[in-house]
Amino acid sequence: DYADSVKGRFTISRDNGKNTVYLQMNS
């Protein structure tokens, strides 16, 4: 889920093998 202000620009993802969550922020 995303805030309206970041939809289409930000992407959240996770790698359970690396115990890490990411936030890719574009534009």
PDB file of all heavy atoms in Angstrom:
ATOM      1  N   ASP A   1       0.844  -1.186   0.000  1.00  0.00           N
ATOM      2  CA  ASP A   1       0.000   0.000   0.000  1.00  0.00           C
ATOM      3  C   ASP A   1       0.882   1.241   0.000  1.00  0.00           C
ATOM      4  O   ASP A   1       1.989   1.214   0.537  1.00  0.00           O
ATOM      5  CB  ASP A   1      -0.928   0.015   1.211  1.00  0.00           C
ATOM      6  CG  ASP A   1      -2.053  -0.999   1.078  1.00  0.00           C
ATOM      7  OD1 ASP A   1      -3.029  -0.697   0.365  1.00  0.00           O
ATOM      8  OD2 ASP A   1      -1.939  -2.089   1.661  1.00  0.00           O
ATOM      9  N   TYR A   2       0.356   2.316  -0.599  1.00  0.00           N
ATOM     10  CA  TYR A   2       1.125   3.540  -0.741  1.00  0.00           C
ATOM     11  C   TYR A   2       0.274   4.753  -0.397  1.00  0.00           C
ATOM     12  O   TYR A   2      -0.942   4.768  -0.625  1.00  0.00           O
ATOM     13  CB  TYR A   2       1.624   3.702  -2.182  1.00  0.00           C
ATOM     14  CG  TYR A   2       2.573   2.623  -2.632  1.00  0.00           C
ATOM     15  CD1 TYR A   2       2.113   1.466  -3.243  1.00  0.00           C
ATOM     16  CD2 TYR A   2       3.944   2.763  -2.428  1.00  0.00           C
ATOM     17  CE1 TYR A   2       2.983   0.474  -3.642  1.00  0.00           C
ATOM     18  CE2 TYR A   2       4.826   1.773  -2.832  1.00  0.00           C
ATOM     19  CZ  TYR A   2       4.336   0.630  -3.427  1.00  0.00           C
ATOM     20  OH  TYR A   2       5.213  -0.347  -3.821  1.00  0.00           O
ATOM     21  N   ALA A   3       0.951   5.784   0.090  1.00  0.00           N
ATOM     22  CA  ALA A   3       0.299   7.077   0.213  1.00  0.00           C
ATOM     23  C   ALA A   3       0.040   7.618  -1.185  1.00  0.00           C
ATOM     24  O   ALA A   3       0.818   7.379  -2.121  1.00  0.00           O
ATOM     25  CB  ALA A   3       1.187   8.036   0.997  1.00  0.00           C
ATOM     26  N   ASP A   4      -1.032   8.360  -1.340  1.00  0.00           N
ATOM     27  CA  ASP A   4      -1.373   8.913  -2.652  1.00  0.00           C
ATOM     28  C   ASP A   4      -0.244   9.777  -3.198  1.00  0.00           C
ATOM     29  O   ASP A   4      -0.012   9.814  -4.407  1.00  0.00           O
ATOM     30  CB  ASP A   4      -2.656   9.735  -2.557  1.00  0.00           C
ATOM     31  CG  ASP A   4      -3.899   8.878  -2.380  1.00  0.00           C
ATOM     32  OD1 ASP A   4      -3.818   7.659  -2.651  1.00  0.00           O
ATOM     33  OD2 ASP A   4      -4.924   9.427  -1.953  1.00  0.00           O
ATOM     34  N   SER A   5       0.462  10.448  -2.310  1.00  0.00           N
ATOM     35  CA  SER A   5       1.500  11.389  -2.727  1.00  0.00           C
ATOM     36  C   SER A   5       2.705  10.701  -3.366  1.00  0.00           C
ATOM     37  O   SER A   5       3.507  11.365  -4.039  1.00  0.00           O
ATOM     38  CB  SER A   5       1.969  12.224  -1.536  1.00  0.00           C
ATOM     39  OG  SER A   5       2.470  11.388  -0.509  1.00  0.00           O
ATOM     40  N   VAL A   6       2.851   9.395  -3.164  1.00  0.00           N
ATOM     41  CA  VAL A   6       4.024   8.700  -3.716  1.00  0.00           C
ATOM     42  C   VAL A   6       3.659   7.608  -4.717  1.00  0.00           C
ATOM     43  O   VAL A   6       4.555   7.005  -5.320  1.00  0.00           O
ATOM     44  CB  VAL A   6       4.894   8.098  -2.592  1.00  0.00           C
ATOM     45  CG1 VAL A   6       5.251   9.159  -1.574  1.00  0.00           C
ATOM     46  CG2 VAL A   6       4.224   6.902  -1.937  1.00  0.00           C
ATOM     47  N   LYS A   7       2.371   7.354  -4.900  1.00  0.00           N
ATOM     48  CA  LYS A   7       1.963   6.304  -5.836  1.00  0.00           C
ATOM     49  C   LYS A   7       2.507   6.573  -7.233  1.00  0.00           C
ATOM     50  O   LYS A   7       2.449   7.687  -7.732  1.00  0.00           O
ATOM     51  CB  LYS A   7       0.432   6.218  -5.894  1.00  0.00           C
ATOM     52  CG  LYS A   7      -0.181   5.419  -4.783  1.00  0.00           C
ATOM     53  CD  LYS A   7      -1.695   5.378  -4.927  1.00  0.00           C
ATOM     54  CE  LYS A   7      -2.334   4.650  -3.762  1.00  0.00           C
ATOM     55  NZ  LYS A   7      -3.814   4.686  -3.822  1.00  0.00           N
ATOM     56  N   GLY A   8       3.033   5.527  -7.839  1.00  0.00           N
ATOM     57  CA  GLY A   8       3.597   5.653  -9.177  1.00  0.00           C
ATOM     58  C   GLY A   8       5.036   6.120  -9.188  1.00  0.00           C
ATOM     59  O   GLY A   8       5.695   6.068 -10.229  1.00  0.00           O
ATOM     60  N   ARG A   9       5.543   6.585  -8.057  1.00  0.00           N
ATOM     61  CA  ARG A   9       6.938   7.063  -7.977  1.00  0.00           C
ATOM     62  C   ARG A   9       7.789   6.192  -7.057  1.00  0.00           C
ATOM     63  O   ARG A   9       8.974   6.004  -7.314  1.00  0.00           O
ATOM     64  CB  ARG A   9       6.982   8.511  -7.478  1.00  0.00           C
ATOM     65  CG  ARG A   9       6.241   9.499  -8.353  1.00  0.00           C
ATOM     66  CD  ARG A   9       6.498  10.938  -7.912  1.00  0.00           C
ATOM     67  NE  ARG A   9       6.041  11.216  -6.558  1.00  0.00           N
ATOM     68  CZ  ARG A   9       6.824  11.645  -5.566  1.00  0.00           C
ATOM     69  NH1 ARG A   9       8.106  11.863  -5.782  1.00  0.00           N
ATOM     70  NH2 ARG A   9       6.316  11.887  -4.367  1.00  0.00           N
ATOM     71  N   PHE A  10       7.196   5.704  -5.976  1.00  0.00           N
ATOM     72  CA  PHE A  10       7.918   4.905  -4.986  1.00  0.00           C
ATOM     73  C   PHE A  10       7.470   3.448  -5.072  1.00  0.00           C
ATOM     74  O   PHE A  10       6.303   3.161  -5.366  1.00  0.00           O
ATOM     75  CB  PHE A  10       7.635   5.412  -3.579  1.00  0.00           C
ATOM     76  CG  PHE A  10       8.218   6.751  -3.228  1.00  0.00           C
ATOM     77  CD1 PHE A  10       8.778   7.585  -4.194  1.00  0.00           C
ATOM     78  CD2 PHE A  10       8.202   7.180  -1.907  1.00  0.00           C
ATOM     79  CE1 PHE A  10       9.311   8.815  -3.864  1.00  0.00           C
ATOM     80  CE2 PHE A  10       8.739   8.418  -1.549  1.00  0.00           C
ATOM     81  CZ  PHE A  10       9.275   9.230  -2.535  1.00  0.00           C
ATOM     82  N   THR A  11       8.410   2.552  -4.771  1.00  0.00           N
ATOM     83  CA  THR A  11       8.098   1.127  -4.734  1.00  0.00           C
ATOM     84  C   THR A  11       8.709   0.507  -3.490  1.00  0.00           C
ATOM     85  O   THR A  11       9.909   0.641  -3.258  1.00  0.00           O
ATOM     86  CB  THR A  11       8.645   0.407  -5.974  1.00  0.00           C
ATOM     87  OG1 THR A  11       8.100   1.007  -7.159  1.00  0.00           O
ATOM     88  CG2 THR A  11       8.268  -1.070  -5.950  1.00  0.00           C
ATOM     89  N   ILE A  12       7.871  -0.159  -2.706  1.00  0.00           N
ATOM     90  CA  ILE A  12       8.356  -0.879  -1.536  1.00  0.00           C
ATOM     91  C   ILE A  12       8.522  -2.347  -1.918  1.00  0.00           C
ATOM     92  O   ILE A  12       7.714  -2.912  -2.664  1.00  0.00           O
ATOM     93  CB  ILE A  12       7.395  -0.719  -0.336  1.00  0.00           C
ATOM     94  CG1 ILE A  12       8.014  -1.308   0.939  1.00  0.00           C
ATOM     95  CG2 ILE A  12       6.035  -1.315  -0.619  1.00  0.00           C
ATOM     96  CD1 ILE A  12       7.224  -0.986   2.219  1.00  0.00           C
ATOM     97  N   SER A  13       9.589  -2.957  -1.404  1.00  0.00           N
ATOM     98  CA  SER A  13       9.828  -4.371  -1.667  1.00  0.00           C
ATOM     99  C   SER A  13      10.599  -4.945  -0.480  1.00  0.00           C
ATOM    100  O   SER A  13      11.061  -4.203   0.393  1.00  0.00           O
ATOM    101  CB  SER A  13      10.615  -4.570  -2.963  1.00  0.00           C
ATOM    102  OG  SER A  13      11.889  -3.959  -2.879  1.00  0.00           O
ATOM    103  N   ARG A  14      10.706  -6.255  -0.452  1.00  0.00           N
ATOM    104  CA  ARG A  14      11.450  -6.886   0.638  1.00  0.00           C
ATOM    105  C   ARG A  14      12.144  -8.133   0.119  1.00  0.00           C
ATOM    106  O   ARG A  14      11.693  -8.772  -0.830  1.00  0.00           O
ATOM    107  CB  ARG A  14      10.534  -7.225   1.808  1.00  0.00           C
ATOM    108  CG  ARG A  14       9.482  -8.262   1.521  1.00  0.00           C
ATOM    109  CD  ARG A  14       8.486  -8.364   2.684  1.00  0.00           C
ATOM    110  NE  ARG A  14       9.089  -8.875   3.900  1.00  0.00           N
ATOM    111  CZ  ARG A  14       8.542  -8.727   5.128  1.00  0.00           C
ATOM    112  NH1 ARG A  14       7.401  -8.040   5.258  1.00  0.00           N
ATOM    113  NH2 ARG A  14       9.126  -9.234   6.192  1.00  0.00           N
ATOM    114  N   ASP A  15      13.232  -8.463   0.797  1.00  0.00           N
ATOM    115  CA  ASP A  15      13.980  -9.679   0.519  1.00  0.00           C
ATOM    116  C   ASP A  15      14.086 -10.430   1.833  1.00  0.00           C
ATOM    117  O   ASP A  15      14.904 -10.071   2.693  1.00  0.00           O
ATOM    118  CB  ASP A  15      15.353  -9.326  -0.046  1.00  0.00           C
ATOM    119  CG  ASP A  15      16.139 -10.548  -0.471  1.00  0.00           C
ATOM    120  OD1 ASP A  15      15.890 -11.643   0.059  1.00  0.00           O
ATOM    121  OD2 ASP A  15      17.032 -10.410  -1.320  1.00  0.00           O
ATOM    122  N   ASN A  16      13.251 -11.456   1.988  1.00  0.00           N
ATOM    123  CA  ASN A  16      13.244 -12.182   3.257  1.00  0.00           C
ATOM    124  C   ASN A  16      14.533 -12.986   3.476  1.00  0.00           C
ATOM    125  O   ASN A  16      14.873 -13.312   4.609  1.00  0.00           O
ATOM    126  CB  ASN A  16      12.032 -13.097   3.327  1.00  0.00           C
ATOM    127  CG  ASN A  16      10.743 -12.313   3.545  1.00  0.00           C
ATOM    128  OD1 ASN A  16      10.777 -11.144   3.911  1.00  0.00           O
ATOM    129  ND2 ASN A  16       9.612 -12.958   3.293  1.00  0.00           N
ATOM    130  N   GLY A  17      15.242 -13.288   2.411  1.00  0.00           N
ATOM    131  CA  GLY A  17      16.521 -13.962   2.556  1.00  0.00           C
ATOM    132  C   GLY A  17      17.603 -13.053   3.113  1.00  0.00           C
ATOM    133  O   GLY A  17      18.559 -13.516   3.737  1.00  0.00           O
ATOM    134  N   LYS A  18      17.424 -11.753   2.903  1.00  0.00           N
ATOM    135  CA  LYS A  18      18.405 -10.770   3.384  1.00  0.00           C
ATOM    136  C   LYS A  18      17.877  -9.970   4.571  1.00  0.00           C
ATOM    137  O   LYS A  18      18.549  -9.046   5.034  1.00  0.00           O
ATOM    138  CB  LYS A  18      18.791  -9.815   2.250  1.00  0.00           C
ATOM    139  CG  LYS A  18      19.529 -10.488   1.108  1.00  0.00           C
ATOM    140  CD  LYS A  18      19.935  -9.483   0.050  1.00  0.00           C
ATOM    141  CE  LYS A  18      20.720 -10.163  -1.059  1.00  0.00           C
ATOM    142  NZ  LYS A  18      21.136  -9.199  -2.117  1.00  0.00           N
ATOM    143  N   ASN A  19      16.666 -10.297   5.031  1.00  0.00           N
ATOM    144  CA  ASN A  19      16.071  -9.571   6.165  1.00  0.00           C
ATOM    145  C   ASN A  19      16.068  -8.057   5.941  1.00  0.00           C
ATOM    146  O   ASN A  19      16.406  -7.277   6.849  1.00  0.00           O
ATOM    147  CB  ASN A  19      16.826  -9.891   7.465  1.00  0.00           C
ATOM    148  CG  ASN A  19      16.580 -11.305   7.949  1.00  0.00           C
ATOM    149  OD1 ASN A  19      15.823 -12.057   7.344  1.00  0.00           O
ATOM    150  ND2 ASN A  19      17.230 -11.682   9.021  1.00  0.00           N
ATOM    151  N   THR A  20      15.687  -7.662   4.761  1.00  0.00           N
ATOM    152  CA  THR A  20      15.757  -6.250   4.397  1.00  0.00           C
ATOM    153  C   THR A  20      14.503  -5.823   3.636  1.00  0.00           C
ATOM    154  O   THR A  20      14.006  -6.573   2.787  1.00  0.00           O
ATOM    155  CB  THR A  20      17.002  -5.978   3.538  1.00  0.00           C
ATOM    156  OG1 THR A  20      18.177  -6.363   4.271  1.00  0.00           O
ATOM    157  CG2 THR A  20      17.115  -4.506   3.180  1.00  0.00           C
ATOM    158  N   VAL A  21      14.054  -4.625   3.944  1.00  0.00           N
ATOM    159  CA  VAL A  21      12.978  -3.999   3.187  1.00  0.00           C
ATOM    160  C   VAL A  21      13.555  -2.770   2.488  1.00  0.00           C
ATOM    161  O   VAL A  21      14.449  -2.107   3.038  1.00  0.00           O
ATOM    162  CB  VAL A  21      11.786  -3.644   4.087  1.00  0.00           C
ATOM    163  CG1 VAL A  21      12.157  -2.633   5.153  1.00  0.00           C
ATOM    164  CG2 VAL A  21      10.598  -3.156   3.265  1.00  0.00           C
ATOM    165  N   TYR A  22      13.053  -2.513   1.292  1.00  0.00           N
ATOM    166  CA  TYR A  22      13.576  -1.424   0.471  1.00  0.00           C
ATOM    167  C   TYR A  22      12.483  -0.427   0.124  1.00  0.00           C
ATOM    168  O   TYR A  22      11.297  -0.762   0.099  1.00  0.00           O
ATOM    169  CB  TYR A  22      14.150  -1.986  -0.841  1.00  0.00           C
ATOM    170  CG  TYR A  22      15.216  -3.029  -0.659  1.00  0.00           C
ATOM    171  CD1 TYR A  22      14.900  -4.386  -0.743  1.00  0.00           C
ATOM    172  CD2 TYR A  22      16.531  -2.676  -0.407  1.00  0.00           C
ATOM    173  CE1 TYR A  22      15.875  -5.363  -0.579  1.00  0.00           C
ATOM    174  CE2 TYR A  22      17.509  -3.650  -0.239  1.00  0.00           C
ATOM    175  CZ  TYR A  22      17.168  -4.978  -0.321  1.00  0.00           C
ATOM    176  OH  TYR A  22      18.145  -5.933  -0.138  1.00  0.00           O
ATOM    177  N   LEU A  23      12.918   0.793  -0.161  1.00  0.00           N
ATOM    178  CA  LEU A  23      12.017   1.783  -0.718  1.00  0.00           C
ATOM    179  C   LEU A  23      12.743   2.438  -1.887  1.00  0.00           C
ATOM    180  O   LEU A  23      13.682   3.206  -1.680  1.00  0.00           O
ATOM    181  CB  LEU A  23      11.628   2.832   0.327  1.00  0.00           C
ATOM    182  CG  LEU A  23      10.586   3.852  -0.148  1.00  0.00           C
ATOM    183  CD1 LEU A  23       9.239   3.157  -0.363  1.00  0.00           C
ATOM    184  CD2 LEU A  23      10.436   4.993   0.848  1.00  0.00           C
ATOM    185  N   GLN A  24      12.320   2.090  -3.086  1.00  0.00           N
ATOM    186  CA  GLN A  24      12.870   2.710  -4.284  1.00  0.00           C
ATOM    187  C   GLN A  24      12.079   3.978  -4.555  1.00  0.00           C
ATOM    188  O   GLN A  24      10.853   3.921  -4.705  1.00  0.00           O
ATOM    189  CB  GLN A  24      12.760   1.758  -5.474  1.00  0.00           C
ATOM    190  CG  GLN A  24      13.252   2.339  -6.789  1.00  0.00           C
ATOM    191  CD  GLN A  24      14.732   2.614  -6.800  1.00  0.00           C
ATOM    192  OE1 GLN A  24      15.527   1.791  -6.361  1.00  0.00           O
ATOM    193  NE2 GLN A  24      15.121   3.770  -7.307  1.00  0.00           N
ATOM    194  N   MET A  25      12.793   5.088  -4.610  1.00  0.00           N
ATOM    195  CA  MET A  25      12.148   6.389  -4.774  1.00  0.00           C
ATOM    196  C   MET A  25      12.614   7.014  -6.080  1.00  0.00           C
ATOM    197  O   MET A  25      13.813   7.304  -6.221  1.00  0.00           O
ATOM    198  CB  MET A  25      12.476   7.305  -3.596  1.00  0.00           C
ATOM    199  CG  MET A  25      12.132   6.696  -2.245  1.00  0.00           C
ATOM    200  SD  MET A  25      12.360   7.840  -0.878  1.00  0.00           S
ATOM    201  CE  MET A  25      14.132   8.092  -0.949  1.00  0.00           C
ATOM    202  N   ASN A  26      11.703   7.193  -7.002  1.00  0.00           N
ATOM    203  CA  ASN A  26      12.001   7.794  -8.292  1.00  0.00           C
ATOM    204  C   ASN A  26      11.256   9.116  -8.451  1.00  0.00           C
ATOM    205  O   ASN A  26      10.312   9.398  -7.713  1.00  0.00           O
ATOM    206  CB  ASN A  26      11.584   6.845  -9.426  1.00  0.00           C
ATOM    207  CG  ASN A  26      12.327   5.535  -9.398  1.00  0.00           C
ATOM    208  OD1 ASN A  26      13.485   5.462  -8.968  1.00  0.00           O
ATOM    209  ND2 ASN A  26      11.673   4.468  -9.860  1.00  0.00           N
ATOM    210  N   SER A  27      11.682   9.898  -9.410  1.00  0.00           N
ATOM    211  CA  SER A  27      11.038  11.190  -9.695  1.00  0.00           C
ATOM    212  C   SER A  27      10.858  11.997  -8.426  1.00  0.00           C
ATOM    213  O   SER A  27       9.768  12.522  -8.146  1.00  0.00           O
ATOM    214  CB  SER A  27       9.687  10.961 -10.383  1.00  0.00           C
ATOM    215  OG  SER A  27       9.846  10.226 -11.564  1.00  0.00           O
TER     216      SER A  27
END
